[in-house]
Amino acid sequence: MAVLAGALAVHLWPEWTQDPDLSHGLLMPAVCAMLLYIGRRPGAGGTLDGGTACLLAALLGAAALASLWVAGLFAVTLDWNSPVVDFALACAFALLACGALAAFADRAVSLVAFSWTTFCAAALWPLCAPLPPGSYTRLTLALQLWVSGNVMRALDLLGIAAHRQGNIIELARGSVGIEEACSGVRSLVSCVFAGILFSAALTRRPWARVLLVALSAPLALAMNFLRSLFLTLLVNAGVRVEGAWHDATGYAVLLFTAAILAGLAIALDRGAAPRAGTAAAGPAGASRAIAILGIVVLAGCATLVFFVVDTTASGPSGRPVPDLQAMLPLSAAGWQVESDPNLYRFAGTLRTDHLAQRTYVRRDAAGAEQVTLYVAYWSEGQASVGFVGSHTPDACWPGTGWVPSPVPDPLVALDMGGRTLPAAQHRLFTSEGYPQQVWFWQLYEGRTVDVGDPKSVRSLIRIALHYGFRRGGSQAFIRISGNRPWGEIARQPFVAEFVERARALGLY
């Protein structure tokens, strides 16, 4: 169990050191050891009978293996460094650690107490892992709007003229944006972590523990609101808050909130009965719970080895990368052509530098007509099928303000110059009333791929069985979008020229 905890800490270390929201994770190994030390050598009240220990070890171990398989399947389609995989791995270890506590608290073993203190040593691990992107985005957006709305109400009460647009507050001497870093996610997660830790280490009354954990989230939100209001007032006074003021107030809020929680925990524990003295373990007897734990640990290690070995990328074949820029027509009669200079800002997210996009715009009797052509390419061993499929417009566009709308047929066969193209995925998005019809193809070794829903475990299993776990073949992603129906877009010569050149990638 110590080796597995160390392996998880090593895996999460880059997140702990690079993501300020997870910097409290650096303390997690020491916190885990401290809580286990506090809960060592239980008295009779902290142990479990053999049957209960076996049942808990088996149930929690099975749940841990299920979570580990979910992590492995997401690693197949995404990557081992994906936030979803990190969170699933942390949950798997937490479940396994809780099952281990039950086995170690068997009266035949009596190694630790089965108590709130030792439970927190296991349960805190998921709070040190990144949240899944969808949950993180929804939480961040909700907090941004909540903070900006309440800051506006406070400004109204103070008689300060201000105008709010989304998460931006316009003032007489400047503007304040409640960005992701100021939304309160960092203080919320850190303070919940601190509240659970202090409830396990500093309090002994059950009601005091519940109260401390319950107060941690509201306290974090209140303190972050006060910080945002303070910075807004500084901007209104003409002070530049970027840099020192912004960072100093952020760290001050975290430290002050943690100090309040610690002081509250000490105050609530006053007058409580002292912790029960430690009792030496009796003669070690046969423990079926330990045997079950051993089986679960071996099965978990075998599962990890299976996924790690079978998701290893294959070596490059040396095949030359297609010239994507040459596939996009440089000019079109009567159209204004624009290349996106900021396209490569997505290279890190997409994990490829082979990107190309051009937008064609003209005005006709019906108004402005727009067509965008986009293509991306991944060499052999560079990405899995599921990873490419997880960056479709369905996953990426809603986060930039585009709202999806239903279409009659999400999989259509398109006609182009008298021939039928491979079945394309069809989507419709709108942004402030502006429509965008989207057709796209994902190709693996020159053949179209339908990955389905990358969040579906059933789809993940199907992808793994069909394409294998290893990142083998080259892949391409082709997208044609515009504000007109396909019949009008397909008549444009530059679109036909692009489709003809894309045959080199398998679009035929």
Protein backbone atom coordinates (compact mmCIF):
# COMPACT_ATOMS: atom_id res chain seq x y z
CA MET A 1 0.00 0.00 0.00
CA ALA A 2 2.89 2.38 0.71
CA VAL A 3 4.40 1.61 -2.69
CA LEU A 4 1.07 2.27 -4.42
CA ALA A 5 0.67 5.53 -2.52
CA GLY A 6 4.17 6.56 -3.59
CA ALA A 7 3.45 5.65 -7.22
CA LEU A 8 0.25 7.74 -7.19
CA ALA A 9 2.13 10.66 -5.64
CA VAL A 10 4.79 10.45 -8.37
CA HIS A 11 2.07 10.32 -11.04
CA LEU A 12 0.27 13.38 -9.62
CA TRP A 13 3.46 15.32 -8.83
CA PRO A 14 3.43 17.33 -12.11
CA GLU A 15 -0.14 18.44 -11.36
CA TRP A 16 0.76 19.38 -7.78
CA THR A 17 3.75 21.48 -8.88
CA GLN A 18 2.21 23.10 -11.98
CA ASP A 19 -1.46 23.62 -11.06
CA PRO A 20 -1.95 26.17 -8.22
CA ASP A 21 -5.41 24.68 -7.54
CA LEU A 22 -3.70 21.44 -6.45
CA SER A 23 -0.66 22.76 -4.60
CA HIS A 24 -2.06 21.35 -1.34
CA GLY A 25 -1.38 17.90 -2.83
CA LEU A 26 2.29 18.39 -1.99
CA LEU A 27 1.31 17.86 1.64
CA MET A 28 -0.77 14.74 1.00
CA PRO A 29 1.92 12.05 1.60
CA ALA A 30 2.86 13.65 4.94
CA VAL A 31 -0.81 14.17 5.85
CA CYS A 32 -1.59 10.52 5.10
CA ALA A 33 1.30 9.31 7.27
CA MET A 34 0.37 11.68 10.11
CA LEU A 35 -3.27 10.59 10.22
CA LEU A 36 -2.31 6.93 10.14
CA TYR A 37 0.11 7.55 13.01
CA ILE A 38 -2.65 9.21 15.04
CA GLY A 39 -4.92 6.23 14.39
CA ARG A 40 -2.34 3.52 15.12
CA ARG A 41 -2.85 0.60 17.53
CA PRO A 42 -6.57 0.84 18.28
CA GLY A 43 -8.32 -0.14 21.43
CA ALA A 44 -11.21 -2.58 21.37
CA GLY A 45 -13.63 0.08 20.12
CA GLY A 46 -11.67 0.74 16.92
CA THR A 47 -11.54 -2.80 15.55
CA LEU A 48 -13.88 -4.88 13.39
CA ASP A 49 -14.94 -8.47 13.69
CA GLY A 50 -13.64 -10.83 11.04
CA GLY A 51 -16.86 -11.03 9.01
CA THR A 52 -17.34 -7.28 8.80
CA ALA A 53 -13.68 -6.76 7.89
CA CYS A 54 -13.95 -9.35 5.10
CA LEU A 55 -17.15 -7.85 3.70
CA LEU A 56 -15.79 -4.29 3.67
CA ALA A 57 -12.44 -5.36 2.20
CA ALA A 58 -14.20 -7.28 -0.58
CA LEU A 59 -16.76 -4.57 -1.46
CA LEU A 60 -14.30 -1.67 -1.35
CA GLY A 61 -11.70 -3.72 -3.20
CA ALA A 62 -14.19 -4.53 -5.97
CA ALA A 63 -15.12 -0.84 -6.24
CA ALA A 64 -11.41 0.05 -6.43
CA LEU A 65 -10.85 -2.43 -9.27
CA ALA A 66 -13.87 -1.05 -11.14
CA SER A 67 -12.52 2.51 -10.79
CA LEU A 68 -9.10 1.31 -11.94
CA TRP A 69 -10.62 -0.22 -15.07
CA VAL A 70 -12.44 3.04 -15.78
CA ALA A 71 -9.10 4.87 -15.46
CA GLY A 72 -7.47 2.38 -17.81
CA LEU A 73 -10.21 2.66 -20.42
CA PHE A 74 -9.99 6.45 -20.38
CA ALA A 75 -6.19 6.14 -20.65
CA VAL A 76 -6.74 4.05 -23.79
CA THR A 77 -8.81 6.75 -25.46
CA LEU A 78 -7.28 9.87 -23.92
CA ASP A 79 -3.93 9.64 -22.15
CA TRP A 80 -2.46 8.69 -18.78
CA ASN A 81 -2.02 12.41 -18.01
CA SER A 82 -5.69 13.21 -18.64
CA PRO A 83 -7.49 14.82 -15.66
CA VAL A 84 -10.20 12.15 -15.94
CA VAL A 85 -7.58 9.41 -15.59
CA ASP A 86 -5.87 11.19 -12.68
CA PHE A 87 -9.17 11.54 -10.82
CA ALA A 88 -10.20 7.92 -11.47
CA LEU A 89 -6.80 6.67 -10.27
CA ALA A 90 -7.07 8.74 -7.08
CA CYS A 91 -10.58 7.38 -6.46
CA ALA A 92 -9.36 3.83 -7.06
CA PHE A 93 -6.55 4.25 -4.54
CA ALA A 94 -8.88 5.87 -1.99
CA LEU A 95 -11.33 2.95 -2.26
CA LEU A 96 -8.50 0.44 -2.03
CA ALA A 97 -7.04 2.25 0.99
CA CYS A 98 -10.42 2.20 2.75
CA GLY A 99 -10.65 -1.54 2.10
CA ALA A 100 -7.13 -1.92 3.47
CA LEU A 101 -8.13 -0.02 6.63
CA ALA A 102 -10.96 -2.51 7.16
CA ALA A 103 -8.53 -5.40 6.77
CA PHE A 104 -5.92 -3.83 9.06
CA ALA A 105 -8.62 -3.09 11.66
CA ASP A 106 -9.58 -6.77 11.86
CA ARG A 107 -9.30 -7.85 15.49
CA ALA A 108 -6.92 -10.58 14.41
CA VAL A 109 -4.56 -7.87 13.13
CA SER A 110 -5.37 -4.65 15.09
CA LEU A 111 -2.85 -2.57 13.15
CA VAL A 112 -4.92 0.64 12.93
CA ALA A 113 -8.27 1.89 14.15
CA PHE A 114 -11.22 1.89 11.81
CA SER A 115 -12.10 5.49 12.56
CA TRP A 116 -12.76 8.89 11.01
CA THR A 117 -9.08 9.80 11.39
CA THR A 118 -7.75 6.84 9.40
CA PHE A 119 -10.63 7.06 6.93
CA CYS A 120 -9.60 10.64 6.08
CA ALA A 121 -6.04 9.44 5.42
CA ALA A 122 -7.50 7.48 2.49
CA ALA A 123 -10.44 9.66 1.44
CA LEU A 124 -8.43 12.88 0.97
CA TRP A 125 -6.55 11.57 -2.08
CA PRO A 126 -9.27 12.44 -4.66
CA LEU A 127 -9.22 16.06 -3.43
CA CYS A 128 -5.56 16.18 -4.53
CA ALA A 129 -6.36 15.08 -8.09
CA PRO A 130 -7.63 17.36 -10.89
CA LEU A 131 -11.37 17.38 -11.37
CA PRO A 132 -12.74 15.97 -14.66
CA PRO A 133 -12.80 18.79 -17.24
CA GLY A 134 -16.59 18.90 -17.55
CA SER A 135 -17.15 19.16 -13.81
CA TYR A 136 -14.32 21.68 -13.44
CA THR A 137 -15.71 23.90 -16.21
CA ARG A 138 -19.26 23.88 -14.84
CA LEU A 139 -18.05 24.57 -11.30
CA THR A 140 -15.72 27.36 -12.42
CA LEU A 141 -18.37 29.05 -14.57
CA ALA A 142 -20.95 28.89 -11.77
CA LEU A 143 -18.48 30.39 -9.28
CA GLN A 144 -17.39 33.12 -11.71
CA LEU A 145 -20.97 34.24 -12.24
CA TRP A 146 -21.77 33.98 -8.51
CA VAL A 147 -18.76 36.07 -7.48
CA SER A 148 -19.24 38.72 -10.17
CA GLY A 149 -22.97 38.99 -9.41
CA ASN A 150 -22.44 39.43 -5.67
CA VAL A 151 -19.61 41.93 -6.20
CA MET A 152 -22.01 43.98 -8.34
CA ARG A 153 -24.63 43.90 -5.56
CA ALA A 154 -22.03 45.07 -3.06
CA LEU A 155 -20.97 47.90 -5.38
CA ASP A 156 -24.59 48.98 -5.72
CA LEU A 157 -24.91 49.11 -1.92
CA LEU A 158 -21.73 51.20 -1.73
CA GLY A 159 -23.02 53.60 -4.38
CA ILE A 160 -20.26 52.82 -6.89
CA ALA A 161 -21.24 53.02 -10.56
CA ALA A 162 -20.42 49.81 -12.40
CA HIS A 163 -21.63 47.73 -15.31
CA ARG A 164 -21.44 43.94 -15.49
CA GLN A 165 -21.21 41.89 -18.66
CA GLY A 166 -20.86 38.19 -17.88
CA ASN A 167 -17.87 37.88 -15.56
CA ILE A 168 -16.48 41.33 -16.50
CA ILE A 169 -17.20 44.35 -14.29
CA GLU A 170 -16.68 47.76 -15.92
CA LEU A 171 -15.73 50.59 -13.54
CA ALA A 172 -14.98 54.27 -14.01
CA ARG A 173 -11.20 53.72 -13.84
CA GLY A 174 -10.86 50.25 -15.29
CA SER A 175 -12.39 46.83 -15.53
CA VAL A 176 -12.16 43.65 -13.45
CA GLY A 177 -12.48 40.17 -14.91
CA ILE A 178 -13.41 37.31 -12.59
CA GLU A 179 -11.26 34.74 -14.36
CA GLU A 180 -10.91 31.01 -13.60
CA ALA A 181 -8.09 31.66 -11.13
CA CYS A 182 -10.32 34.15 -9.25
CA SER A 183 -13.48 32.04 -9.35
CA GLY A 184 -12.76 30.46 -5.98
CA VAL A 185 -12.12 26.89 -7.13
CA ARG A 186 -8.64 26.95 -5.60
CA SER A 187 -9.80 28.19 -2.21
CA LEU A 188 -12.87 25.94 -2.29
CA VAL A 189 -10.93 22.70 -2.88
CA SER A 190 -8.07 23.70 -0.55
CA CYS A 191 -10.40 24.72 2.27
CA VAL A 192 -12.51 21.57 2.01
CA PHE A 193 -9.24 19.63 2.16
CA ALA A 194 -8.16 21.62 5.23
CA GLY A 195 -11.57 21.24 6.88
CA ILE A 196 -11.51 17.45 6.54
CA LEU A 197 -7.88 17.31 7.69
CA PHE A 198 -8.50 19.42 10.81
CA SER A 199 -11.65 17.46 11.61
CA ALA A 200 -9.59 14.28 11.60
CA ALA A 201 -6.51 15.58 13.43
CA LEU A 202 -7.80 18.23 15.84
CA THR A 203 -11.33 17.27 16.86
CA ARG A 204 -12.83 14.25 18.60
CA ARG A 205 -16.55 15.01 18.84
CA PRO A 206 -18.57 13.71 15.85
CA TRP A 207 -20.82 16.79 15.74
CA ALA A 208 -17.77 19.06 15.76
CA ARG A 209 -16.30 17.17 12.81
CA VAL A 210 -19.51 17.48 10.83
CA LEU A 211 -19.76 21.21 11.60
CA LEU A 212 -16.14 21.87 10.62
CA VAL A 213 -16.45 20.09 7.27
CA ALA A 214 -19.83 21.75 6.58
CA LEU A 215 -18.43 25.24 7.25
CA SER A 216 -15.29 24.86 5.11
CA ALA A 217 -16.98 25.39 1.71
CA PRO A 218 -19.14 28.43 2.69
CA LEU A 219 -16.15 29.99 4.44
CA ALA A 220 -13.99 29.54 1.33
CA LEU A 221 -16.64 31.14 -0.89
CA ALA A 222 -17.15 34.06 1.51
CA MET A 223 -13.43 34.78 1.78
CA ASN A 224 -12.96 34.65 -1.99
CA PHE A 225 -15.90 37.04 -2.41
CA LEU A 226 -14.26 39.50 0.02
CA ARG A 227 -10.99 39.23 -1.89
CA SER A 228 -12.71 39.89 -5.24
CA LEU A 229 -14.59 42.87 -3.76
CA PHE A 230 -11.36 44.27 -2.28
CA LEU A 231 -9.54 44.02 -5.62
CA THR A 232 -12.52 45.63 -7.40
CA LEU A 233 -12.47 48.55 -4.98
CA LEU A 234 -8.72 48.97 -5.59
CA VAL A 235 -9.33 49.11 -9.35
CA ASN A 236 -12.07 51.68 -8.79
CA ALA A 237 -9.52 53.75 -6.85
CA GLY A 238 -7.12 53.63 -9.76
CA VAL A 239 -4.75 50.96 -8.38
CA ARG A 240 -3.33 48.35 -10.77
CA VAL A 241 -4.02 44.99 -9.16
CA GLU A 242 -2.23 42.76 -11.67
CA GLY A 243 0.71 40.89 -10.22
CA ALA A 244 1.61 41.60 -6.60
CA TRP A 245 -1.82 42.65 -5.29
CA HIS A 246 -3.59 39.79 -7.05
CA ASP A 247 -1.19 37.08 -5.88
CA ALA A 248 -0.68 38.45 -2.36
CA THR A 249 -4.41 38.60 -1.65
CA GLY A 250 -4.86 35.09 -3.04
CA TYR A 251 -2.26 33.55 -0.72
CA ALA A 252 -3.47 35.67 2.21
CA VAL A 253 -7.03 34.41 1.77
CA LEU A 254 -5.87 30.78 1.73
CA LEU A 255 -3.71 31.18 4.84
CA PHE A 256 -6.32 33.20 6.75
CA THR A 257 -9.10 30.73 5.90
CA ALA A 258 -6.95 27.78 6.98
CA ALA A 259 -6.12 29.60 10.23
CA ILE A 260 -9.82 30.20 10.91
CA LEU A 261 -10.60 26.51 10.34
CA ALA A 262 -7.73 25.40 12.58
CA GLY A 263 -8.77 27.79 15.34
CA LEU A 264 -12.38 26.67 15.06
CA ALA A 265 -11.33 23.02 15.26
CA ILE A 266 -9.31 23.65 18.43
CA ALA A 267 -12.16 25.63 19.99
CA LEU A 268 -14.72 22.93 19.22
CA ASP A 269 -12.46 20.27 20.76
CA ARG A 270 -12.14 21.97 24.11
CA GLY A 271 -13.44 19.84 26.95
CA ALA A 272 -13.58 16.67 24.83
CA ALA A 273 -12.44 13.43 26.42
CA PRO A 274 -8.79 12.62 25.69
CA ARG A 275 -8.05 10.16 22.95
CA ALA A 276 -8.18 6.57 24.07
CA GLY A 277 -4.78 5.16 24.92
CA THR A 278 -3.25 2.89 22.38
CA ALA A 279 -3.58 -0.79 22.93
CA ALA A 280 -1.01 -3.30 21.87
CA ALA A 281 -2.17 -5.81 19.29
CA GLY A 282 -2.91 -9.27 20.48
CA PRO A 283 -1.37 -12.38 18.98
CA ALA A 284 -1.79 -12.24 15.23
CA GLY A 285 -4.28 -14.79 14.00
CA ALA A 286 -5.51 -15.86 10.58
CA SER A 287 -7.23 -12.98 8.79
CA ARG A 288 -9.33 -13.64 5.74
CA ALA A 289 -9.66 -9.86 5.24
CA ILE A 290 -5.88 -9.59 4.76
CA ALA A 291 -6.04 -12.43 2.24
CA ILE A 292 -8.83 -10.64 0.34
CA LEU A 293 -6.79 -7.42 0.42
CA GLY A 294 -3.79 -9.26 -0.97
CA ILE A 295 -5.85 -10.66 -3.85
CA VAL A 296 -7.28 -7.21 -4.65
CA VAL A 297 -3.83 -5.59 -4.57
CA LEU A 298 -2.40 -8.26 -6.90
CA ALA A 299 -5.37 -7.89 -9.26
CA GLY A 300 -4.96 -4.10 -9.22
CA CYS A 301 -1.24 -4.30 -9.97
CA ALA A 302 -1.92 -6.75 -12.82
CA THR A 303 -4.54 -4.37 -14.22
CA LEU A 304 -2.11 -1.46 -14.12
CA VAL A 305 0.61 -3.47 -15.82
CA PHE A 306 -1.86 -4.61 -18.49
CA PHE A 307 -2.98 -1.07 -19.36
CA VAL A 308 0.49 0.51 -19.11
CA VAL A 309 2.11 -2.11 -21.34
CA ASP A 310 -0.73 -2.18 -23.86
CA THR A 311 -1.01 1.62 -24.19
CA THR A 312 2.66 2.11 -25.06
CA ALA A 313 3.03 4.09 -28.25
CA SER A 314 4.53 2.35 -31.24
CA GLY A 315 7.61 3.85 -32.85
CA PRO A 316 7.37 6.23 -35.81
CA SER A 317 7.41 4.66 -39.24
CA GLY A 318 9.21 7.52 -40.94
CA ARG A 319 6.27 8.26 -43.22
CA PRO A 320 6.37 11.95 -44.32
CA VAL A 321 3.74 14.31 -42.94
CA PRO A 322 1.32 15.61 -45.62
CA ASP A 323 1.53 19.30 -46.48
CA LEU A 324 -1.69 20.46 -44.86
CA GLN A 325 -1.32 24.10 -45.87
CA ALA A 326 -1.14 23.05 -49.52
CA MET A 327 -4.53 21.31 -49.18
CA LEU A 328 -6.25 24.62 -48.40
CA PRO A 329 -6.71 26.88 -51.44
CA LEU A 330 -4.80 30.15 -51.01
CA SER A 331 -7.33 32.18 -52.97
CA ALA A 332 -10.87 32.00 -54.28
CA ALA A 333 -12.40 34.32 -56.84
CA GLY A 334 -14.70 36.82 -55.14
CA TRP A 335 -13.84 35.61 -51.64
CA GLN A 336 -11.70 37.18 -48.93
CA VAL A 337 -9.33 34.50 -47.56
CA GLU A 338 -8.01 34.60 -43.99
CA SER A 339 -5.61 32.20 -42.25
CA ASP A 340 -5.90 31.84 -38.47
CA PRO A 341 -2.58 33.08 -36.97
CA ASN A 342 -3.54 31.84 -33.49
CA LEU A 343 -4.34 28.28 -34.52
CA TYR A 344 -1.17 26.86 -32.98
CA ARG A 345 -2.24 27.89 -29.50
CA PHE A 346 -4.24 24.65 -29.58
CA ALA A 347 -1.19 22.52 -30.45
CA GLY A 348 -0.54 21.63 -26.81
CA THR A 349 -4.12 20.56 -26.21
CA LEU A 350 -4.35 18.59 -29.46
CA ARG A 351 -0.77 17.27 -29.13
CA THR A 352 0.10 17.94 -32.71
CA ASP A 353 1.77 20.79 -34.59
CA HIS A 354 0.24 19.71 -37.90
CA LEU A 355 -2.73 22.08 -38.11
CA ALA A 356 -4.14 24.23 -40.91
CA GLN A 357 -7.25 26.40 -41.24
CA ARG A 358 -8.53 29.05 -43.64
CA THR A 359 -11.78 31.02 -43.64
CA TYR A 360 -13.43 32.30 -46.83
CA VAL A 361 -15.88 35.22 -46.63
CA ARG A 362 -17.89 37.14 -49.23
CA ARG A 363 -21.09 39.17 -49.42
CA ASP A 364 -24.01 38.34 -51.66
CA ALA A 365 -27.67 39.27 -51.89
CA ALA A 366 -28.46 37.16 -48.81
CA GLY A 367 -25.73 38.78 -46.71
CA ALA A 368 -22.31 37.60 -45.61
CA GLU A 369 -21.42 34.04 -46.60
CA GLN A 370 -18.67 32.23 -44.69
CA VAL A 371 -16.91 28.89 -45.15
CA THR A 372 -14.10 27.52 -42.96
CA LEU A 373 -11.82 24.63 -43.94
CA TYR A 374 -9.77 22.88 -41.26
CA VAL A 375 -7.47 19.87 -41.19
CA ALA A 376 -5.24 18.32 -38.50
CA TYR A 377 -2.86 15.37 -38.70
CA TRP A 378 -1.24 12.98 -36.18
CA SER A 379 1.70 10.77 -37.17
CA GLU A 380 1.98 7.10 -36.24
CA GLY A 381 2.07 6.56 -32.50
CA GLN A 382 1.27 10.21 -31.73
CA ALA A 383 -2.30 9.79 -30.45
CA SER A 384 -4.95 7.17 -29.85
CA VAL A 385 -8.19 6.99 -31.78
CA GLY A 386 -10.17 7.98 -28.71
CA PHE A 387 -7.94 10.97 -27.98
CA VAL A 388 -8.54 12.46 -31.42
CA GLY A 389 -12.24 11.68 -31.09
CA SER A 390 -12.42 13.52 -27.77
CA HIS A 391 -11.60 16.85 -29.49
CA THR A 392 -14.53 17.03 -31.89
CA PRO A 393 -16.72 20.16 -32.12
CA ASP A 394 -19.17 18.40 -29.77
CA ALA A 395 -16.56 18.56 -27.00
CA CYS A 396 -14.73 21.81 -27.78
CA TRP A 397 -17.17 24.32 -29.28
CA PRO A 398 -19.68 24.64 -26.40
CA GLY A 399 -16.86 25.85 -24.15
CA THR A 400 -16.25 28.80 -26.49
CA GLY A 401 -19.84 30.05 -26.56
CA TRP A 402 -21.38 27.92 -29.33
CA VAL A 403 -24.71 26.32 -28.40
CA PRO A 404 -25.50 22.96 -30.06
CA SER A 405 -28.84 22.52 -31.79
CA PRO A 406 -30.45 19.24 -32.90
CA VAL A 407 -30.14 18.12 -36.53
CA PRO A 408 -32.35 15.59 -38.36
CA ASP A 409 -29.47 13.22 -39.13
CA PRO A 410 -26.12 13.50 -37.28
CA LEU A 411 -24.50 11.08 -39.78
CA VAL A 412 -24.99 12.10 -43.43
CA ALA A 413 -23.72 11.05 -46.84
CA LEU A 414 -22.68 14.20 -48.72
CA ASP A 415 -22.62 14.67 -52.48
CA MET A 416 -19.64 16.49 -54.00
CA GLY A 417 -19.26 16.90 -57.74
CA GLY A 418 -21.31 13.85 -58.63
CA ARG A 419 -19.69 11.47 -56.13
CA THR A 420 -20.68 10.56 -52.61
CA LEU A 421 -18.22 11.29 -49.82
CA PRO A 422 -17.73 9.01 -46.81
CA ALA A 423 -20.41 9.46 -44.16
CA ALA A 424 -19.78 12.72 -42.30
CA GLN A 425 -20.73 13.77 -38.79
CA HIS A 426 -23.14 16.71 -39.04
CA ARG A 427 -23.68 19.27 -36.27
CA LEU A 428 -25.36 22.66 -35.95
CA PHE A 429 -24.19 25.36 -33.53
CA THR A 430 -25.35 28.92 -32.91
CA SER A 431 -23.70 31.84 -31.14
CA GLU A 432 -25.83 34.92 -30.44
CA GLY A 433 -28.10 33.95 -33.34
CA TYR A 434 -25.25 33.28 -35.81
CA PRO A 435 -25.52 29.72 -37.23
CA GLN A 436 -22.67 27.38 -38.05
CA GLN A 437 -23.27 24.17 -39.97
CA VAL A 438 -20.43 21.71 -39.31
CA TRP A 439 -19.43 18.55 -41.15
CA PHE A 440 -16.37 16.59 -40.04
CA TRP A 441 -14.52 13.31 -40.55
CA GLN A 442 -12.02 11.46 -38.38
CA LEU A 443 -9.74 9.15 -40.34
CA TYR A 444 -7.49 6.36 -39.06
CA GLU A 445 -5.01 5.04 -41.62
CA GLY A 446 -7.15 6.52 -44.37
CA ARG A 447 -10.47 5.09 -43.12
CA THR A 448 -13.29 6.99 -41.45
CA VAL A 449 -13.87 6.39 -37.76
CA ASP A 450 -17.01 6.76 -35.64
CA VAL A 451 -15.81 6.79 -32.04
CA GLY A 452 -19.25 7.48 -30.57
CA ASP A 453 -19.36 9.10 -27.15
CA PRO A 454 -15.84 9.12 -25.61
CA LYS A 455 -17.43 9.44 -22.15
CA SER A 456 -19.29 6.15 -22.57
CA VAL A 457 -17.58 3.10 -21.06
CA ARG A 458 -19.30 0.95 -23.69
CA SER A 459 -17.81 3.10 -26.47
CA LEU A 460 -14.37 2.92 -24.84
CA ILE A 461 -14.48 -0.89 -24.77
CA ARG A 462 -15.59 -0.95 -28.41
CA ILE A 463 -12.73 1.36 -29.45
CA ALA A 464 -10.19 -0.68 -27.50
CA LEU A 465 -11.35 -3.98 -29.05
CA HIS A 466 -11.55 -2.60 -32.59
CA TYR A 467 -8.44 -0.42 -32.78
CA GLY A 468 -6.33 -1.96 -30.04
CA PHE A 469 -4.80 -0.24 -27.08
CA ARG A 470 -1.59 0.91 -28.71
CA ARG A 471 -1.28 4.17 -30.59
CA GLY A 472 -0.50 2.68 -33.94
CA GLY A 473 -1.68 4.33 -37.14
CA SER A 474 -1.66 7.87 -38.46
CA GLN A 475 -4.83 9.93 -38.10
CA ALA A 476 -6.44 12.99 -39.63
CA PHE A 477 -9.35 15.24 -38.74
CA ILE A 478 -11.12 17.19 -41.50
CA ARG A 479 -13.79 19.82 -40.90
CA ILE A 480 -15.89 21.93 -43.26
CA SER A 481 -18.15 24.52 -41.65
CA GLY A 482 -20.15 27.52 -42.74
CA ASN A 483 -23.31 29.55 -42.29
CA ARG A 484 -25.08 28.07 -45.32
CA PRO A 485 -26.50 24.60 -46.14
CA TRP A 486 -24.27 21.96 -47.70
CA GLY A 487 -25.91 22.37 -51.09
CA GLU A 488 -24.63 25.96 -51.34
CA ILE A 489 -21.21 25.24 -49.82
CA ALA A 490 -20.57 22.22 -52.09
CA ARG A 491 -21.05 24.39 -55.21
CA GLN A 492 -17.99 26.50 -54.40
CA PRO A 493 -14.93 25.53 -56.51
CA PHE A 494 -12.46 26.02 -53.63
CA VAL A 495 -14.41 23.56 -51.48
CA ALA A 496 -14.32 20.95 -54.24
CA GLU A 497 -10.60 21.64 -54.65
CA PHE A 498 -10.02 21.08 -50.93
CA VAL A 499 -12.00 17.83 -50.91
CA GLU A 500 -10.03 16.58 -53.92
CA ARG A 501 -6.70 17.34 -52.22
CA ALA A 502 -7.92 15.71 -48.99
CA ARG A 503 -8.17 12.39 -50.84
CA ALA A 504 -4.52 11.95 -49.89
CA LEU A 505 -5.70 11.58 -46.27
CA GLY A 506 -8.42 9.06 -47.14
CA LEU A 507 -11.42 11.30 -47.87
CA TYR A 508 -12.72 9.42 -50.93
